[in-house]
């Protein structure tokens, strides 16, 4: 199976998850292309069998460079006719969205809009979304102090090994149902 593992990581949290996705898929003998998203990147999403894409959460949404990449791709697909109104479900491509988030204010509720936004891109292309994963990650830089005392408690050093093992198990489950 040909897999696109697309991610944006400003702090390293999402990169850890993307690396675990890649390791797991390779161990399961799949062809994986791991790509760090940038605003100027152009990707043909329709050439993959499975697309797993994720970002950190910034004000309840994916990172701006990630959103720019997706918005530009949507414009291209609309112009080419590959993103028509009421797109028919594509049987040959599946998608998974994920995000890393700190949840200091409202917990996991801060993460849902980000994966829902990404899922809408898939849905508009007719790609079935098999899952939306929400992985806790610590805060960095000027927000580092928010890693303790928020709604989720102490999120320092996350995603940790336990979190990443859960990601690996989710990847294996998706590969089983798509492979």
Protein backbone atom coordinates (compact mmCIF):
# COMPACT_ATOMS: atom_id res chain seq x y z
CA UNK A 1 0.00 0.00 0.00
CA UNK A 2 1.27 3.48 -0.84
CA UNK A 3 0.93 5.79 2.17
CA UNK A 4 1.32 9.56 2.45
CA UNK A 5 2.35 10.52 5.98
CA UNK A 6 1.92 14.31 5.90
CA UNK A 7 2.57 16.40 8.99
CA UNK A 8 3.40 19.86 10.27
CA UNK A 9 5.36 20.25 13.49
CA UNK A 10 6.55 23.55 14.91
CA UNK A 11 7.73 22.16 18.26
CA UNK A 12 8.58 18.52 17.61
CA UNK A 13 5.46 16.96 19.15
CA UNK A 14 3.78 16.14 15.84
CA UNK A 15 7.09 15.09 14.30
CA UNK A 16 7.40 12.38 16.99
CA UNK A 17 3.98 11.07 16.02
CA UNK A 18 4.78 11.19 12.28
CA UNK A 19 8.01 9.28 12.89
CA UNK A 20 6.11 6.58 14.80
CA UNK A 21 3.55 6.35 11.99
CA UNK A 22 6.39 5.89 9.51
CA UNK A 23 8.23 3.27 11.62
CA UNK A 24 5.05 1.27 12.16
CA UNK A 25 3.97 1.32 8.51
CA UNK A 26 7.47 0.35 7.35
CA UNK A 27 7.58 -2.48 9.88
CA UNK A 28 4.27 -3.68 8.43
CA UNK A 29 5.93 -3.61 4.97
CA UNK A 30 4.13 -0.66 3.41
CA UNK A 31 5.54 2.05 1.14
CA UNK A 32 5.51 5.28 3.17
CA UNK A 33 6.31 8.80 2.04
CA UNK A 34 6.75 11.04 5.10
CA UNK A 35 6.52 14.71 4.20
CA UNK A 36 6.74 17.81 6.38
CA UNK A 37 4.04 20.24 5.23
CA UNK A 38 4.94 23.74 4.09
CA UNK A 39 2.75 26.45 2.61
CA UNK A 40 4.52 26.13 -0.77
CA UNK A 41 4.44 22.33 -1.04
CA UNK A 42 2.32 20.75 -3.79
CA UNK A 43 1.14 17.18 -3.31
CA UNK A 44 -1.07 14.98 -5.45
CA UNK A 45 -3.13 13.42 -2.68
CA UNK A 46 -5.00 11.24 -5.18
CA UNK A 47 -1.96 9.08 -5.98
CA UNK A 48 -1.94 7.41 -2.54
CA UNK A 49 -3.95 4.52 -1.11
CA UNK A 50 -3.88 5.88 2.44
CA UNK A 51 -3.25 9.42 3.62
CA UNK A 52 -2.44 10.07 7.27
CA UNK A 53 -2.09 13.75 8.01
CA UNK A 54 -1.60 15.71 11.18
CA UNK A 55 -0.63 19.00 12.76
CA UNK A 56 -0.27 20.64 16.09
CA UNK A 57 -3.29 22.64 17.24
CA UNK A 58 -3.09 26.43 17.15
CA UNK A 59 -6.21 28.31 18.26
CA UNK A 60 -8.30 25.15 17.68
CA UNK A 61 -7.09 24.60 14.10
CA UNK A 62 -4.10 23.12 12.27
CA UNK A 63 -1.02 25.30 11.76
CA UNK A 64 -1.29 28.05 9.13
CA UNK A 65 1.31 26.55 6.73
CA UNK A 66 -0.59 23.25 6.86
CA UNK A 67 -3.92 24.97 6.22
CA UNK A 68 -2.42 26.94 3.32
CA UNK A 69 -1.17 23.71 1.72
CA UNK A 70 -4.61 22.09 2.05
CA UNK A 71 -6.48 25.18 0.81
CA UNK A 72 -4.24 25.41 -2.27
CA UNK A 73 -4.73 21.70 -2.97
CA UNK A 74 -8.50 22.13 -2.67
CA UNK A 75 -8.38 25.01 -5.17
CA UNK A 76 -6.43 22.83 -7.62
CA UNK A 77 -8.82 19.91 -7.23
CA UNK A 78 -11.89 22.14 -7.67
CA UNK A 79 -10.37 23.66 -10.83
CA UNK A 80 -9.52 20.22 -12.27
CA UNK A 81 -12.95 18.75 -11.47
CA UNK A 82 -11.56 16.28 -8.92
CA UNK A 83 -13.48 17.99 -6.09
CA UNK A 84 -17.03 18.30 -7.44
CA UNK A 85 -20.13 19.09 -5.44
CA UNK A 86 -21.37 15.97 -3.66
CA UNK A 87 -18.16 14.06 -4.45
CA UNK A 88 -18.69 10.33 -4.82
CA UNK A 89 -16.85 8.17 -2.30
CA UNK A 90 -13.52 6.97 -3.66
CA UNK A 91 -13.13 3.28 -2.88
CA UNK A 92 -9.38 3.31 -3.54
CA UNK A 93 -8.24 6.00 -1.06
CA UNK A 94 -8.72 6.24 2.71
CA UNK A 95 -7.69 8.95 5.15
CA UNK A 96 -6.83 9.48 8.81
CA UNK A 97 -6.41 12.82 10.55
CA UNK A 98 -4.58 13.51 13.79
CA UNK A 99 -3.34 16.35 15.91
CA UNK A 100 -1.15 16.99 18.91
CA UNK A 101 -2.54 19.34 21.51
CA UNK A 102 -1.94 20.56 25.05
CA UNK A 103 -5.55 21.09 26.09
CA UNK A 104 -4.78 23.54 28.90
CA UNK A 105 -8.10 25.37 28.65
CA UNK A 106 -10.79 22.89 27.54
CA UNK A 107 -8.95 19.60 27.19
CA UNK A 108 -9.59 17.46 24.15
CA UNK A 109 -12.33 19.84 23.01
CA UNK A 110 -9.52 22.13 21.80
CA UNK A 111 -8.39 19.39 19.42
CA UNK A 112 -11.65 18.35 17.75
CA UNK A 113 -11.96 21.35 15.39
CA UNK A 114 -8.47 20.71 13.96
CA UNK A 115 -9.11 17.11 12.96
CA UNK A 116 -12.62 17.97 11.77
CA UNK A 117 -11.17 20.70 9.52
CA UNK A 118 -8.68 18.23 8.02
CA UNK A 119 -11.39 15.61 7.63
CA UNK A 120 -13.50 18.00 5.59
CA UNK A 121 -10.74 18.19 2.98
CA UNK A 122 -10.86 14.40 2.66
CA UNK A 123 -14.66 14.32 2.61
CA UNK A 124 -14.84 16.98 -0.10
CA UNK A 125 -12.51 14.81 -2.21
CA UNK A 126 -14.67 11.74 -1.60
CA UNK A 127 -12.07 10.15 0.68
CA UNK A 128 -13.47 8.18 3.60
CA UNK A 129 -12.04 9.27 6.96
CA UNK A 130 -11.21 6.17 8.98
CA UNK A 131 -10.23 7.99 12.14
CA UNK A 132 -9.36 11.20 13.90
CA UNK A 133 -6.62 10.81 16.49
CA UNK A 134 -5.95 13.32 19.27
CA UNK A 135 -2.53 12.96 20.90
CA UNK A 136 -1.54 14.97 23.95
CA UNK A 137 1.64 17.02 23.62
CA UNK A 138 3.52 19.37 25.90
CA UNK A 139 3.73 23.11 25.37
CA UNK A 140 7.01 24.71 24.32
CA UNK A 141 8.61 28.15 24.30
CA UNK A 142 6.67 31.01 25.87
CA UNK A 143 3.70 28.68 26.51
CA UNK A 144 5.78 26.05 28.34
CA UNK A 145 4.26 26.95 31.73
CA UNK A 146 0.86 25.80 30.39
CA UNK A 147 2.15 22.21 30.46
CA UNK A 148 1.11 21.99 34.11
CA UNK A 149 -2.07 23.07 35.82
CA UNK A 150 -4.35 22.95 32.77
CA UNK A 151 -7.43 20.83 32.28
CA UNK A 152 -5.31 17.78 31.40
CA UNK A 153 -2.95 18.21 34.34
CA UNK A 154 0.76 17.67 33.75
CA UNK A 155 1.45 17.15 30.04
CA UNK A 156 5.21 17.65 30.23
CA UNK A 157 7.28 15.23 28.11
CA UNK A 158 4.31 14.21 26.00
CA UNK A 159 3.80 12.62 23.65
CA UNK A 160 5.67 9.99 25.63
CA UNK A 161 6.48 6.36 24.86
CA UNK A 162 3.02 5.21 26.00
CA UNK A 163 1.34 7.79 23.73
CA UNK A 164 3.53 6.75 20.80
CA UNK A 165 2.82 3.06 21.38
CA UNK A 166 -0.90 3.90 21.22
CA UNK A 167 -0.25 5.66 17.90
CA UNK A 168 1.53 2.55 16.63
CA UNK A 169 -1.46 0.39 17.60
CA UNK A 170 -3.87 2.77 15.83
CA UNK A 171 -1.72 2.67 12.69
CA UNK A 172 -1.70 -1.14 12.75
CA UNK A 173 -5.50 -1.19 13.12
CA UNK A 174 -5.94 1.12 10.13
CA UNK A 175 -3.52 -0.93 8.04
CA UNK A 176 -5.43 -4.11 8.89
CA UNK A 177 -8.74 -2.67 7.73
CA UNK A 178 -7.32 -1.10 4.55
CA UNK A 179 -4.68 -3.58 3.52
